[in-house]
Amino acid sequence: VIDDKTSQSHLRTQELYWNMQTGEMASNV
């Protein structure tokens, strides 16, 4: 679960990759 209060976005998934250097977030599920 990722809950971003500023953008009012709520993300739910079972697997997530997050590269903090490039900012990329990805999931194939």
mmCIF file of all heavy atoms, coordinates in Angstrom:
data_MODEL
# 
_entry.id   MODEL 
# 
loop_
_atom_site.group_PDB 
_atom_site.id 
_atom_site.type_symbol 
_atom_site.label_atom_id 
_atom_site.label_alt_id 
_atom_site.label_comp_id 
_atom_site.label_asym_id 
_atom_site.label_entity_id 
_atom_site.label_seq_id 
_atom_site.pdbx_PDB_ins_code 
_atom_site.Cartn_x 
_atom_site.Cartn_y 
_atom_site.Cartn_z 
_atom_site.occupancy 
_atom_site.B_iso_or_equiv 
_atom_site.pdbx_formal_charge 
_atom_site.auth_seq_id 
_atom_site.auth_comp_id 
_atom_site.auth_asym_id 
_atom_site.auth_atom_id 
_atom_site.pdbx_PDB_model_num 
ATOM 1   N N   . VAL A 1 1  ? 0.852  -1.191 0.000   1.00 0.00 ? 1  VAL A N   1 
ATOM 2   C CA  . VAL A 1 1  ? 0.000  0.000  0.000   1.00 0.00 ? 1  VAL A CA  1 
ATOM 3   C C   . VAL A 1 1  ? 0.885  1.237  0.000   1.00 0.00 ? 1  VAL A C   1 
ATOM 4   O O   . VAL A 1 1  ? 1.817  1.338  0.803   1.00 0.00 ? 1  VAL A O   1 
ATOM 5   C CB  . VAL A 1 1  ? -0.932 0.039  1.233   1.00 0.00 ? 1  VAL A CB  1 
ATOM 6   C CG1 . VAL A 1 1  ? -1.713 1.348  1.266   1.00 0.00 ? 1  VAL A CG1 1 
ATOM 7   C CG2 . VAL A 1 1  ? -1.883 -1.145 1.231   1.00 0.00 ? 1  VAL A CG2 1 
ATOM 8   N N   . ILE A 1 2  ? 0.604  2.157  -0.907  1.00 0.00 ? 2  ILE A N   1 
ATOM 9   C CA  . ILE A 1 2  ? 1.257  3.470  -0.907  1.00 0.00 ? 2  ILE A CA  1 
ATOM 10  C C   . ILE A 1 2  ? 0.150  4.519  -0.888  1.00 0.00 ? 2  ILE A C   1 
ATOM 11  O O   . ILE A 1 2  ? -0.697 4.562  -1.786  1.00 0.00 ? 2  ILE A O   1 
ATOM 12  C CB  . ILE A 1 2  ? 2.170  3.665  -2.132  1.00 0.00 ? 2  ILE A CB  1 
ATOM 13  C CG1 . ILE A 1 2  ? 3.326  2.663  -2.084  1.00 0.00 ? 2  ILE A CG1 1 
ATOM 14  C CG2 . ILE A 1 2  ? 2.709  5.091  -2.179  1.00 0.00 ? 2  ILE A CG2 1 
ATOM 15  C CD1 . ILE A 1 2  ? 4.308  2.811  -3.233  1.00 0.00 ? 2  ILE A CD1 1 
ATOM 16  N N   . ASP A 1 3  ? 0.172  5.347  0.130   1.00 0.00 ? 3  ASP A N   1 
ATOM 17  C CA  . ASP A 1 3  ? -0.859 6.363  0.337   1.00 0.00 ? 3  ASP A CA  1 
ATOM 18  C C   . ASP A 1 3  ? -0.192 7.732  0.304   1.00 0.00 ? 3  ASP A C   1 
ATOM 19  O O   . ASP A 1 3  ? 0.511  8.108  1.242   1.00 0.00 ? 3  ASP A O   1 
ATOM 20  C CB  . ASP A 1 3  ? -1.564 6.124  1.672   1.00 0.00 ? 3  ASP A CB  1 
ATOM 21  C CG  . ASP A 1 3  ? -2.798 6.978  1.841   1.00 0.00 ? 3  ASP A CG  1 
ATOM 22  O OD1 . ASP A 1 3  ? -3.256 7.556  0.835   1.00 0.00 ? 3  ASP A OD1 1 
ATOM 23  O OD2 . ASP A 1 3  ? -3.306 7.072  2.970   1.00 0.00 ? 3  ASP A OD2 1 
ATOM 24  N N   . ASP A 1 4  ? -0.398 8.459  -0.793  1.00 0.00 ? 4  ASP A N   1 
ATOM 25  C CA  . ASP A 1 4  ? 0.207  9.783  -0.977  1.00 0.00 ? 4  ASP A CA  1 
ATOM 26  C C   . ASP A 1 4  ? -0.839 10.840 -0.640  1.00 0.00 ? 4  ASP A C   1 
ATOM 27  O O   . ASP A 1 4  ? -1.800 11.059 -1.378  1.00 0.00 ? 4  ASP A O   1 
ATOM 28  C CB  . ASP A 1 4  ? 0.679  9.928  -2.420  1.00 0.00 ? 4  ASP A CB  1 
ATOM 29  C CG  . ASP A 1 4  ? 1.382  11.258 -2.672  1.00 0.00 ? 4  ASP A CG  1 
ATOM 30  O OD1 . ASP A 1 4  ? 1.569  12.013 -1.693  1.00 0.00 ? 4  ASP A OD1 1 
ATOM 31  O OD2 . ASP A 1 4  ? 1.743  11.536 -3.824  1.00 0.00 ? 4  ASP A OD2 1 
ATOM 32  N N   . LYS A 1 5  ? -0.642 11.517 0.491   1.00 0.00 ? 5  LYS A N   1 
ATOM 33  C CA  . LYS A 1 5  ? -1.614 12.500 0.953   1.00 0.00 ? 5  LYS A CA  1 
ATOM 34  C C   . LYS A 1 5  ? -1.635 13.740 0.064   1.00 0.00 ? 5  LYS A C   1 
ATOM 35  O O   . LYS A 1 5  ? -2.683 14.347 -0.145  1.00 0.00 ? 5  LYS A O   1 
ATOM 36  C CB  . LYS A 1 5  ? -1.296 12.908 2.396   1.00 0.00 ? 5  LYS A CB  1 
ATOM 37  C CG  . LYS A 1 5  ? -1.311 11.765 3.388   1.00 0.00 ? 5  LYS A CG  1 
ATOM 38  C CD  . LYS A 1 5  ? -2.685 11.159 3.524   1.00 0.00 ? 5  LYS A CD  1 
ATOM 39  C CE  . LYS A 1 5  ? -2.718 10.093 4.604   1.00 0.00 ? 5  LYS A CE  1 
ATOM 40  N NZ  . LYS A 1 5  ? -4.065 9.468  4.727   1.00 0.00 ? 5  LYS A NZ  1 
ATOM 41  N N   . THR A 1 6  ? -0.476 14.139 -0.454  1.00 0.00 ? 6  THR A N   1 
ATOM 42  C CA  . THR A 1 6  ? -0.394 15.364 -1.235  1.00 0.00 ? 6  THR A CA  1 
ATOM 43  C C   . THR A 1 6  ? -1.185 15.261 -2.538  1.00 0.00 ? 6  THR A C   1 
ATOM 44  O O   . THR A 1 6  ? -1.956 16.151 -2.885  1.00 0.00 ? 6  THR A O   1 
ATOM 45  C CB  . THR A 1 6  ? 1.068  15.714 -1.535  1.00 0.00 ? 6  THR A CB  1 
ATOM 46  O OG1 . THR A 1 6  ? 1.778  15.863 -0.301  1.00 0.00 ? 6  THR A OG1 1 
ATOM 47  C CG2 . THR A 1 6  ? 1.175  17.001 -2.336  1.00 0.00 ? 6  THR A CG2 1 
ATOM 48  N N   . SER A 1 7  ? -0.984 14.165 -3.274  1.00 0.00 ? 7  SER A N   1 
ATOM 49  C CA  . SER A 1 7  ? -1.694 13.988 -4.542  1.00 0.00 ? 7  SER A CA  1 
ATOM 50  C C   . SER A 1 7  ? -3.014 13.254 -4.373  1.00 0.00 ? 7  SER A C   1 
ATOM 51  O O   . SER A 1 7  ? -3.717 13.022 -5.352  1.00 0.00 ? 7  SER A O   1 
ATOM 52  C CB  . SER A 1 7  ? -0.812 13.217 -5.531  1.00 0.00 ? 7  SER A CB  1 
ATOM 53  O OG  . SER A 1 7  ? -0.576 11.897 -5.060  1.00 0.00 ? 7  SER A OG  1 
ATOM 54  N N   . GLN A 1 8  ? -3.339 12.858 -3.133  1.00 0.00 ? 8  GLN A N   1 
ATOM 55  C CA  . GLN A 1 8  ? -4.573 12.118 -2.827  1.00 0.00 ? 8  GLN A CA  1 
ATOM 56  C C   . GLN A 1 8  ? -4.672 10.854 -3.672  1.00 0.00 ? 8  GLN A C   1 
ATOM 57  O O   . GLN A 1 8  ? -5.737 10.511 -4.194  1.00 0.00 ? 8  GLN A O   1 
ATOM 58  C CB  . GLN A 1 8  ? -5.796 13.007 -3.049  1.00 0.00 ? 8  GLN A CB  1 
ATOM 59  C CG  . GLN A 1 8  ? -5.865 14.200 -2.115  1.00 0.00 ? 8  GLN A CG  1 
ATOM 60  C CD  . GLN A 1 8  ? -7.101 15.038 -2.341  1.00 0.00 ? 8  GLN A CD  1 
ATOM 61  O OE1 . GLN A 1 8  ? -7.240 15.677 -3.384  1.00 0.00 ? 8  GLN A OE1 1 
ATOM 62  N NE2 . GLN A 1 8  ? -8.015 15.028 -1.384  1.00 0.00 ? 8  GLN A NE2 1 
ATOM 63  N N   . SER A 1 9  ? -3.531 10.149 -3.778  1.00 0.00 ? 9  SER A N   1 
ATOM 64  C CA  . SER A 1 9  ? -3.466 8.902  -4.530  1.00 0.00 ? 9  SER A CA  1 
ATOM 65  C C   . SER A 1 9  ? -3.277 7.735  -3.575  1.00 0.00 ? 9  SER A C   1 
ATOM 66  O O   . SER A 1 9  ? -2.492 7.817  -2.623  1.00 0.00 ? 9  SER A O   1 
ATOM 67  C CB  . SER A 1 9  ? -2.318 8.936  -5.535  1.00 0.00 ? 9  SER A CB  1 
ATOM 68  O OG  . SER A 1 9  ? -2.495 9.977  -6.466  1.00 0.00 ? 9  SER A OG  1 
ATOM 69  N N   . HIS A 1 10 ? -3.976 6.644  -3.846  1.00 0.00 ? 10 HIS A N   1 
ATOM 70  C CA  . HIS A 1 10 ? -3.902 5.450  -3.007  1.00 0.00 ? 10 HIS A CA  1 
ATOM 71  C C   . HIS A 1 10 ? -3.664 4.257  -3.916  1.00 0.00 ? 10 HIS A C   1 
ATOM 72  O O   . HIS A 1 10 ? -4.486 3.959  -4.790  1.00 0.00 ? 10 HIS A O   1 
ATOM 73  C CB  . HIS A 1 10 ? -5.193 5.270  -2.215  1.00 0.00 ? 10 HIS A CB  1 
ATOM 74  C CG  . HIS A 1 10 ? -5.155 4.108  -1.266  1.00 0.00 ? 10 HIS A CG  1 
ATOM 75  N ND1 . HIS A 1 10 ? -4.580 4.188  -0.014  1.00 0.00 ? 10 HIS A ND1 1 
ATOM 76  C CD2 . HIS A 1 10 ? -5.621 2.837  -1.391  1.00 0.00 ? 10 HIS A CD2 1 
ATOM 77  C CE1 . HIS A 1 10 ? -4.694 3.013  0.595   1.00 0.00 ? 10 HIS A CE1 1 
ATOM 78  N NE2 . HIS A 1 10 ? -5.319 2.185  -0.216  1.00 0.00 ? 10 HIS A NE2 1 
ATOM 79  N N   . LEU A 1 11 ? -2.530 3.580  -3.726  1.00 0.00 ? 11 LEU A N   1 
ATOM 80  C CA  . LEU A 1 11 ? -2.123 2.475  -4.585  1.00 0.00 ? 11 LEU A CA  1 
ATOM 81  C C   . LEU A 1 11 ? -2.102 1.182  -3.788  1.00 0.00 ? 11 LEU A C   1 
ATOM 82  O O   . LEU A 1 11 ? -1.579 1.144  -2.667  1.00 0.00 ? 11 LEU A O   1 
ATOM 83  C CB  . LEU A 1 11 ? -0.730 2.743  -5.165  1.00 0.00 ? 11 LEU A CB  1 
ATOM 84  C CG  . LEU A 1 11 ? -0.127 1.649  -6.044  1.00 0.00 ? 11 LEU A CG  1 
ATOM 85  C CD1 . LEU A 1 11 ? -0.809 1.629  -7.398  1.00 0.00 ? 11 LEU A CD1 1 
ATOM 86  C CD2 . LEU A 1 11 ? 1.377  1.857  -6.220  1.00 0.00 ? 11 LEU A CD2 1 
ATOM 87  N N   . ARG A 1 12 ? -2.676 0.118  -4.372  1.00 0.00 ? 12 ARG A N   1 
ATOM 88  C CA  . ARG A 1 12 ? -2.642 -1.206 -3.747  1.00 0.00 ? 12 ARG A CA  1 
ATOM 89  C C   . ARG A 1 12 ? -2.236 -2.244 -4.786  1.00 0.00 ? 12 ARG A C   1 
ATOM 90  O O   . ARG A 1 12 ? -2.744 -2.240 -5.915  1.00 0.00 ? 12 ARG A O   1 
ATOM 91  C CB  . ARG A 1 12 ? -4.006 -1.582 -3.158  1.00 0.00 ? 12 ARG A CB  1 
ATOM 92  C CG  . ARG A 1 12 ? -4.377 -0.796 -1.916  1.00 0.00 ? 12 ARG A CG  1 
ATOM 93  C CD  . ARG A 1 12 ? -5.622 -1.350 -1.229  1.00 0.00 ? 12 ARG A CD  1 
ATOM 94  N NE  . ARG A 1 12 ? -6.817 -1.093 -2.017  1.00 0.00 ? 12 ARG A NE  1 
ATOM 95  C CZ  . ARG A 1 12 ? -7.616 -2.021 -2.521  1.00 0.00 ? 12 ARG A CZ  1 
ATOM 96  N NH1 . ARG A 1 12 ? -7.324 -3.297 -2.357  1.00 0.00 ? 12 ARG A NH1 1 
ATOM 97  N NH2 . ARG A 1 12 ? -8.696 -1.699 -3.203  1.00 0.00 ? 12 ARG A NH2 1 
ATOM 98  N N   . THR A 1 13 ? -1.296 -3.115 -4.395  1.00 0.00 ? 13 THR A N   1 
ATOM 99  C CA  . THR A 1 13 ? -0.856 -4.191 -5.264  1.00 0.00 ? 13 THR A CA  1 
ATOM 100 C C   . THR A 1 13 ? -0.218 -5.276 -4.398  1.00 0.00 ? 13 THR A C   1 
ATOM 101 O O   . THR A 1 13 ? -0.111 -5.128 -3.181  1.00 0.00 ? 13 THR A O   1 
ATOM 102 C CB  . THR A 1 13 ? 0.140  -3.677 -6.327  1.00 0.00 ? 13 THR A CB  1 
ATOM 103 O OG1 . THR A 1 13 ? 0.449  -4.736 -7.245  1.00 0.00 ? 13 THR A OG1 1 
ATOM 104 C CG2 . THR A 1 13 ? 1.421  -3.177 -5.684  1.00 0.00 ? 13 THR A CG2 1 
ATOM 105 N N   . GLN A 1 14 ? 0.193  -6.377 -5.041  1.00 0.00 ? 14 GLN A N   1 
ATOM 106 C CA  . GLN A 1 14 ? 0.835  -7.461 -4.294  1.00 0.00 ? 14 GLN A CA  1 
ATOM 107 C C   . GLN A 1 14 ? 2.347  -7.488 -4.476  1.00 0.00 ? 14 GLN A C   1 
ATOM 108 O O   . GLN A 1 14 ? 3.046  -8.184 -3.752  1.00 0.00 ? 14 GLN A O   1 
ATOM 109 C CB  . GLN A 1 14 ? 0.240  -8.819 -4.707  1.00 0.00 ? 14 GLN A CB  1 
ATOM 110 C CG  . GLN A 1 14 ? -1.179 -9.030 -4.247  1.00 0.00 ? 14 GLN A CG  1 
ATOM 111 C CD  . GLN A 1 14 ? -1.307 -8.960 -2.729  1.00 0.00 ? 14 GLN A CD  1 
ATOM 112 O OE1 . GLN A 1 14 ? -0.530 -9.575 -1.985  1.00 0.00 ? 14 GLN A OE1 1 
ATOM 113 N NE2 . GLN A 1 14 ? -2.294 -8.216 -2.253  1.00 0.00 ? 14 GLN A NE2 1 
ATOM 114 N N   . GLU A 1 15 ? 2.850  -6.713 -5.425  1.00 0.00 ? 15 GLU A N   1 
ATOM 115 C CA  . GLU A 1 15 ? 4.301  -6.638 -5.612  1.00 0.00 ? 15 GLU A CA  1 
ATOM 116 C C   . GLU A 1 15 ? 4.640  -5.335 -6.315  1.00 0.00 ? 15 GLU A C   1 
ATOM 117 O O   . GLU A 1 15 ? 3.972  -4.948 -7.274  1.00 0.00 ? 15 GLU A O   1 
ATOM 118 C CB  . GLU A 1 15 ? 4.827  -7.823 -6.422  1.00 0.00 ? 15 GLU A CB  1 
ATOM 119 C CG  . GLU A 1 15 ? 6.357  -7.842 -6.546  1.00 0.00 ? 15 GLU A CG  1 
ATOM 120 C CD  . GLU A 1 15 ? 6.868  -9.089 -7.239  1.00 0.00 ? 15 GLU A CD  1 
ATOM 121 O OE1 . GLU A 1 15 ? 6.718  -9.166 -8.481  1.00 0.00 ? 15 GLU A OE1 1 
ATOM 122 O OE2 . GLU A 1 15 ? 7.382  -9.990 -6.548  1.00 0.00 ? 15 GLU A OE2 1 
ATOM 123 N N   . LEU A 1 16 ? 5.684  -4.676 -5.823  1.00 0.00 ? 16 LEU A N   1 
ATOM 124 C CA  . LEU A 1 16 ? 6.068  -3.392 -6.403  1.00 0.00 ? 16 LEU A CA  1 
ATOM 125 C C   . LEU A 1 16 ? 7.579  -3.219 -6.317  1.00 0.00 ? 16 LEU A C   1 
ATOM 126 O O   . LEU A 1 16 ? 8.184  -3.498 -5.282  1.00 0.00 ? 16 LEU A O   1 
ATOM 127 C CB  . LEU A 1 16 ? 5.374  -2.238 -5.669  1.00 0.00 ? 16 LEU A CB  1 
ATOM 128 C CG  . LEU A 1 16 ? 5.606  -0.835 -6.245  1.00 0.00 ? 16 LEU A CG  1 
ATOM 129 C CD1 . LEU A 1 16 ? 4.849  -0.678 -7.564  1.00 0.00 ? 16 LEU A CD1 1 
ATOM 130 C CD2 . LEU A 1 16 ? 5.164  0.236  -5.253  1.00 0.00 ? 16 LEU A CD2 1 
ATOM 131 N N   . TYR A 1 17 ? 8.177  -2.754 -7.411  1.00 0.00 ? 17 TYR A N   1 
ATOM 132 C CA  . TYR A 1 17 ? 9.584  -2.372 -7.437  1.00 0.00 ? 17 TYR A CA  1 
ATOM 133 C C   . TYR A 1 17 ? 9.662  -0.850 -7.508  1.00 0.00 ? 17 TYR A C   1 
ATOM 134 O O   . TYR A 1 17 ? 8.902  -0.207 -8.227  1.00 0.00 ? 17 TYR A O   1 
ATOM 135 C CB  . TYR A 1 17 ? 10.303 -2.977 -8.654  1.00 0.00 ? 17 TYR A CB  1 
ATOM 136 C CG  . TYR A 1 17 ? 10.501 -4.466 -8.568  1.00 0.00 ? 17 TYR A CG  1 
ATOM 137 C CD1 . TYR A 1 17 ? 9.477  -5.340 -8.920  1.00 0.00 ? 17 TYR A CD1 1 
ATOM 138 C CD2 . TYR A 1 17 ? 11.708 -5.010 -8.138  1.00 0.00 ? 17 TYR A CD2 1 
ATOM 139 C CE1 . TYR A 1 17 ? 9.651  -6.713 -8.847  1.00 0.00 ? 17 TYR A CE1 1 
ATOM 140 C CE2 . TYR A 1 17 ? 11.896 -6.380 -8.066  1.00 0.00 ? 17 TYR A CE2 1 
ATOM 141 C CZ  . TYR A 1 17 ? 10.859 -7.224 -8.422  1.00 0.00 ? 17 TYR A CZ  1 
ATOM 142 O OH  . TYR A 1 17 ? 11.032 -8.587 -8.343  1.00 0.00 ? 17 TYR A OH  1 
ATOM 143 N N   . TRP A 1 18 ? 10.615 -0.289 -6.751  1.00 0.00 ? 18 TRP A N   1 
ATOM 144 C CA  . TRP A 1 18 ? 10.725 1.169  -6.670  1.00 0.00 ? 18 TRP A CA  1 
ATOM 145 C C   . TRP A 1 18 ? 12.204 1.532  -6.659  1.00 0.00 ? 18 TRP A C   1 
ATOM 146 O O   . TRP A 1 18 ? 12.921 1.250  -5.706  1.00 0.00 ? 18 TRP A O   1 
ATOM 147 C CB  . TRP A 1 18 ? 10.020 1.671  -5.414  1.00 0.00 ? 18 TRP A CB  1 
ATOM 148 C CG  . TRP A 1 18 ? 10.098 3.142  -5.164  1.00 0.00 ? 18 TRP A CG  1 
ATOM 149 C CD1 . TRP A 1 18 ? 10.622 4.098  -5.968  1.00 0.00 ? 18 TRP A CD1 1 
ATOM 150 C CD2 . TRP A 1 18 ? 9.629  3.821  -3.993  1.00 0.00 ? 18 TRP A CD2 1 
ATOM 151 N NE1 . TRP A 1 18 ? 10.510 5.329  -5.392  1.00 0.00 ? 18 TRP A NE1 1 
ATOM 152 C CE2 . TRP A 1 18 ? 9.901  5.198  -4.177  1.00 0.00 ? 18 TRP A CE2 1 
ATOM 153 C CE3 . TRP A 1 18 ? 9.001  3.409  -2.815  1.00 0.00 ? 18 TRP A CE3 1 
ATOM 154 C CZ2 . TRP A 1 18 ? 9.588  6.144  -3.232  1.00 0.00 ? 18 TRP A CZ2 1 
ATOM 155 C CZ3 . TRP A 1 18 ? 8.685  4.353  -1.875  1.00 0.00 ? 18 TRP A CZ3 1 
ATOM 156 C CH2 . TRP A 1 18 ? 8.962  5.705  -2.074  1.00 0.00 ? 18 TRP A CH2 1 
ATOM 157 N N   . ASN A 1 19 ? 12.663 2.153  -7.739  1.00 0.00 ? 19 ASN A N   1 
ATOM 158 C CA  . ASN A 1 19 ? 14.039 2.629  -7.853  1.00 0.00 ? 19 ASN A CA  1 
ATOM 159 C C   . ASN A 1 19 ? 14.075 4.074  -7.382  1.00 0.00 ? 19 ASN A C   1 
ATOM 160 O O   . ASN A 1 19 ? 13.555 4.971  -8.055  1.00 0.00 ? 19 ASN A O   1 
ATOM 161 C CB  . ASN A 1 19 ? 14.530 2.515  -9.293  1.00 0.00 ? 19 ASN A CB  1 
ATOM 162 C CG  . ASN A 1 19 ? 16.015 2.816  -9.432  1.00 0.00 ? 19 ASN A CG  1 
ATOM 163 O OD1 . ASN A 1 19 ? 16.530 3.755  -8.842  1.00 0.00 ? 19 ASN A OD1 1 
ATOM 164 N ND2 . ASN A 1 19 ? 16.703 2.011  -10.214 1.00 0.00 ? 19 ASN A ND2 1 
ATOM 165 N N   . MET A 1 20 ? 14.664 4.325  -6.226  1.00 0.00 ? 20 MET A N   1 
ATOM 166 C CA  . MET A 1 20 ? 14.652 5.668  -5.656  1.00 0.00 ? 20 MET A CA  1 
ATOM 167 C C   . MET A 1 20 ? 15.570 6.622  -6.411  1.00 0.00 ? 20 MET A C   1 
ATOM 168 O O   . MET A 1 20 ? 15.400 7.833  -6.338  1.00 0.00 ? 20 MET A O   1 
ATOM 169 C CB  . MET A 1 20 ? 15.041 5.614  -4.172  1.00 0.00 ? 20 MET A CB  1 
ATOM 170 C CG  . MET A 1 20 ? 14.028 4.904  -3.302  1.00 0.00 ? 20 MET A CG  1 
ATOM 171 S SD  . MET A 1 20 ? 14.358 5.090  -1.539  1.00 0.00 ? 20 MET A SD  1 
ATOM 172 C CE  . MET A 1 20 ? 15.909 4.184  -1.390  1.00 0.00 ? 20 MET A CE  1 
ATOM 173 N N   . GLN A 1 21 ? 16.551 6.092  -7.142  1.00 0.00 ? 21 GLN A N   1 
ATOM 174 C CA  . GLN A 1 21 ? 17.465 6.957  -7.888  1.00 0.00 ? 21 GLN A CA  1 
ATOM 175 C C   . GLN A 1 21 ? 16.796 7.505  -9.145  1.00 0.00 ? 21 GLN A C   1 
ATOM 176 O O   . GLN A 1 21 ? 16.881 8.704  -9.439  1.00 0.00 ? 21 GLN A O   1 
ATOM 177 C CB  . GLN A 1 21 ? 18.740 6.201  -8.254  1.00 0.00 ? 21 GLN A CB  1 
ATOM 178 C CG  . GLN A 1 21 ? 19.763 7.055  -8.997  1.00 0.00 ? 21 GLN A CG  1 
ATOM 179 C CD  . GLN A 1 21 ? 21.056 6.300  -9.252  1.00 0.00 ? 21 GLN A CD  1 
ATOM 180 O OE1 . GLN A 1 21 ? 21.219 5.153  -8.831  1.00 0.00 ? 21 GLN A OE1 1 
ATOM 181 N NE2 . GLN A 1 21 ? 21.980 6.935  -9.953  1.00 0.00 ? 21 GLN A NE2 1 
ATOM 182 N N   . THR A 1 22 ? 16.119 6.636  -9.889  1.00 0.00 ? 22 THR A N   1 
ATOM 183 C CA  . THR A 1 22 ? 15.471 7.068  -11.125 1.00 0.00 ? 22 THR A CA  1 
ATOM 184 C C   . THR A 1 22 ? 14.027 7.512  -10.898 1.00 0.00 ? 22 THR A C   1 
ATOM 185 O O   . THR A 1 22 ? 13.444 8.174  -11.764 1.00 0.00 ? 22 THR A O   1 
ATOM 186 C CB  . THR A 1 22 ? 15.476 5.931  -12.149 1.00 0.00 ? 22 THR A CB  1 
ATOM 187 O OG1 . THR A 1 22 ? 14.684 4.832  -11.663 1.00 0.00 ? 22 THR A OG1 1 
ATOM 188 C CG2 . THR A 1 22 ? 16.897 5.453  -12.408 1.00 0.00 ? 22 THR A CG2 1 
ATOM 189 N N   . GLY A 1 23 ? 13.446 7.107  -9.767  1.00 0.00 ? 23 GLY A N   1 
ATOM 190 C CA  . GLY A 1 23 ? 12.049 7.434  -9.491  1.00 0.00 ? 23 GLY A CA  1 
ATOM 191 C C   . GLY A 1 23 ? 11.061 6.464  -10.085 1.00 0.00 ? 23 GLY A C   1 
ATOM 192 O O   . GLY A 1 23 ? 9.852  6.625  -9.914  1.00 0.00 ? 23 GLY A O   1 
ATOM 193 N N   . GLU A 1 24 ? 11.540 5.423  -10.796 1.00 0.00 ? 24 GLU A N   1 
ATOM 194 C CA  . GLU A 1 24 ? 10.645 4.463  -11.437 1.00 0.00 ? 24 GLU A CA  1 
ATOM 195 C C   . GLU A 1 24 ? 9.952  3.568  -10.406 1.00 0.00 ? 24 GLU A C   1 
ATOM 196 O O   . GLU A 1 24 ? 10.578 3.086  -9.462  1.00 0.00 ? 24 GLU A O   1 
ATOM 197 C CB  . GLU A 1 24 ? 11.414 3.582  -12.412 1.00 0.00 ? 24 GLU A CB  1 
ATOM 198 C CG  . GLU A 1 24 ? 11.792 4.251  -13.710 1.00 0.00 ? 24 GLU A CG  1 
ATOM 199 C CD  . GLU A 1 24 ? 12.418 3.256  -14.669 1.00 0.00 ? 24 GLU A CD  1 
ATOM 200 O OE1 . GLU A 1 24 ? 13.627 2.982  -14.508 1.00 0.00 ? 24 GLU A OE1 1 
ATOM 201 O OE2 . GLU A 1 24 ? 11.717 2.757  -15.564 1.00 0.00 ? 24 GLU A OE2 1 
ATOM 202 N N   . MET A 1 25 ? 8.663  3.338  -10.626 1.00 0.00 ? 25 MET A N   1 
ATOM 203 C CA  . MET A 1 25 ? 7.892  2.364  -9.869  1.00 0.00 ? 25 MET A CA  1 
ATOM 204 C C   . MET A 1 25 ? 7.247  1.424  -10.872 1.00 0.00 ? 25 MET A C   1 
ATOM 205 O O   . MET A 1 25 ? 6.763  1.868  -11.927 1.00 0.00 ? 25 MET A O   1 
ATOM 206 C CB  . MET A 1 25 ? 6.824  3.047  -9.013  1.00 0.00 ? 25 MET A CB  1 
ATOM 207 C CG  . MET A 1 25 ? 7.360  4.081  -8.043  1.00 0.00 ? 25 MET A CG  1 
ATOM 208 S SD  . MET A 1 25 ? 6.042  4.938  -7.138  1.00 0.00 ? 25 MET A SD  1 
ATOM 209 C CE  . MET A 1 25 ? 5.521  3.630  -6.033  1.00 0.00 ? 25 MET A CE  1 
ATOM 210 N N   . ALA A 1 26 ? 7.220  0.108  -10.543 1.00 0.00 ? 26 ALA A N   1 
ATOM 211 C CA  . ALA A 1 26 ? 6.715  -0.848 -11.526 1.00 0.00 ? 26 ALA A CA  1 
ATOM 212 C C   . ALA A 1 26 ? 6.114  -2.064 -10.842 1.00 0.00 ? 26 ALA A C   1 
ATOM 213 O O   . ALA A 1 26 ? 6.555  -2.489 -9.782  1.00 0.00 ? 26 ALA A O   1 
ATOM 214 C CB  . ALA A 1 26 ? 7.844  -1.296 -12.457 1.00 0.00 ? 26 ALA A CB  1 
ATOM 215 N N   . SER A 1 27 ? 5.070  -2.604 -11.502 1.00 0.00 ? 27 SER A N   1 
ATOM 216 C CA  . SER A 1 27 ? 4.457  -3.846 -11.048 1.00 0.00 ? 27 SER A CA  1 
ATOM 217 C C   . SER A 1 27 ? 3.846  -4.549 -12.245 1.00 0.00 ? 27 SER A C   1 
ATOM 218 O O   . SER A 1 27 ? 3.274  -3.896 -13.130 1.00 0.00 ? 27 SER A O   1 
ATOM 219 C CB  . SER A 1 27 ? 3.373  -3.580 -10.005 1.00 0.00 ? 27 SER A CB  1 
ATOM 220 O OG  . SER A 1 27 ? 2.744  -4.791 -9.610  1.00 0.00 ? 27 SER A OG  1 
ATOM 221 N N   . ASN A 1 28 ? 3.960  -5.876 -12.265 1.00 0.00 ? 28 ASN A N   1 
ATOM 222 C CA  . ASN A 1 28 ? 3.352  -6.681 -13.325 1.00 0.00 ? 28 ASN A CA  1 
ATOM 223 C C   . ASN A 1 28 ? 2.221  -7.552 -12.784 1.00 0.00 ? 28 ASN A C   1 
ATOM 224 O O   . ASN A 1 28 ? 1.854  -8.543 -13.415 1.00 0.00 ? 28 ASN A O   1 
ATOM 225 C CB  . ASN A 1 28 ? 4.400  -7.570 -14.007 1.00 0.00 ? 28 ASN A CB  1 
ATOM 226 C CG  . ASN A 1 28 ? 5.149  -6.813 -15.102 1.00 0.00 ? 28 ASN A CG  1 
ATOM 227 O OD1 . ASN A 1 28 ? 4.787  -5.701 -15.469 1.00 0.00 ? 28 ASN A OD1 1 
ATOM 228 N ND2 . ASN A 1 28 ? 6.198  -7.419 -15.614 1.00 0.00 ? 28 ASN A ND2 1 
ATOM 229 N N   . VAL A 1 29 ? 1.697  -7.212 -11.626 1.00 0.00 ? 29 VAL A N   1 
ATOM 230 C CA  . VAL A 1 29 ? 0.572  -7.938 -11.059 1.00 0.00 ? 29 VAL A CA  1 
ATOM 231 C C   . VAL A 1 29 ? -0.589 -6.962 -10.863 1.00 0.00 ? 29 VAL A C   1 
ATOM 232 O O   . VAL A 1 29 ? -0.459 -5.757 -11.091 1.00 0.00 ? 29 VAL A O   1 
ATOM 233 C CB  . VAL A 1 29 ? 0.944  -8.615 -9.721  1.00 0.00 ? 29 VAL A CB  1 
ATOM 234 C CG1 . VAL A 1 29 ? 2.098  -9.600 -9.911  1.00 0.00 ? 29 VAL A CG1 1 
ATOM 235 C CG2 . VAL A 1 29 ? 1.323  -7.575 -8.671  1.00 0.00 ? 29 VAL A CG2 1 
# 
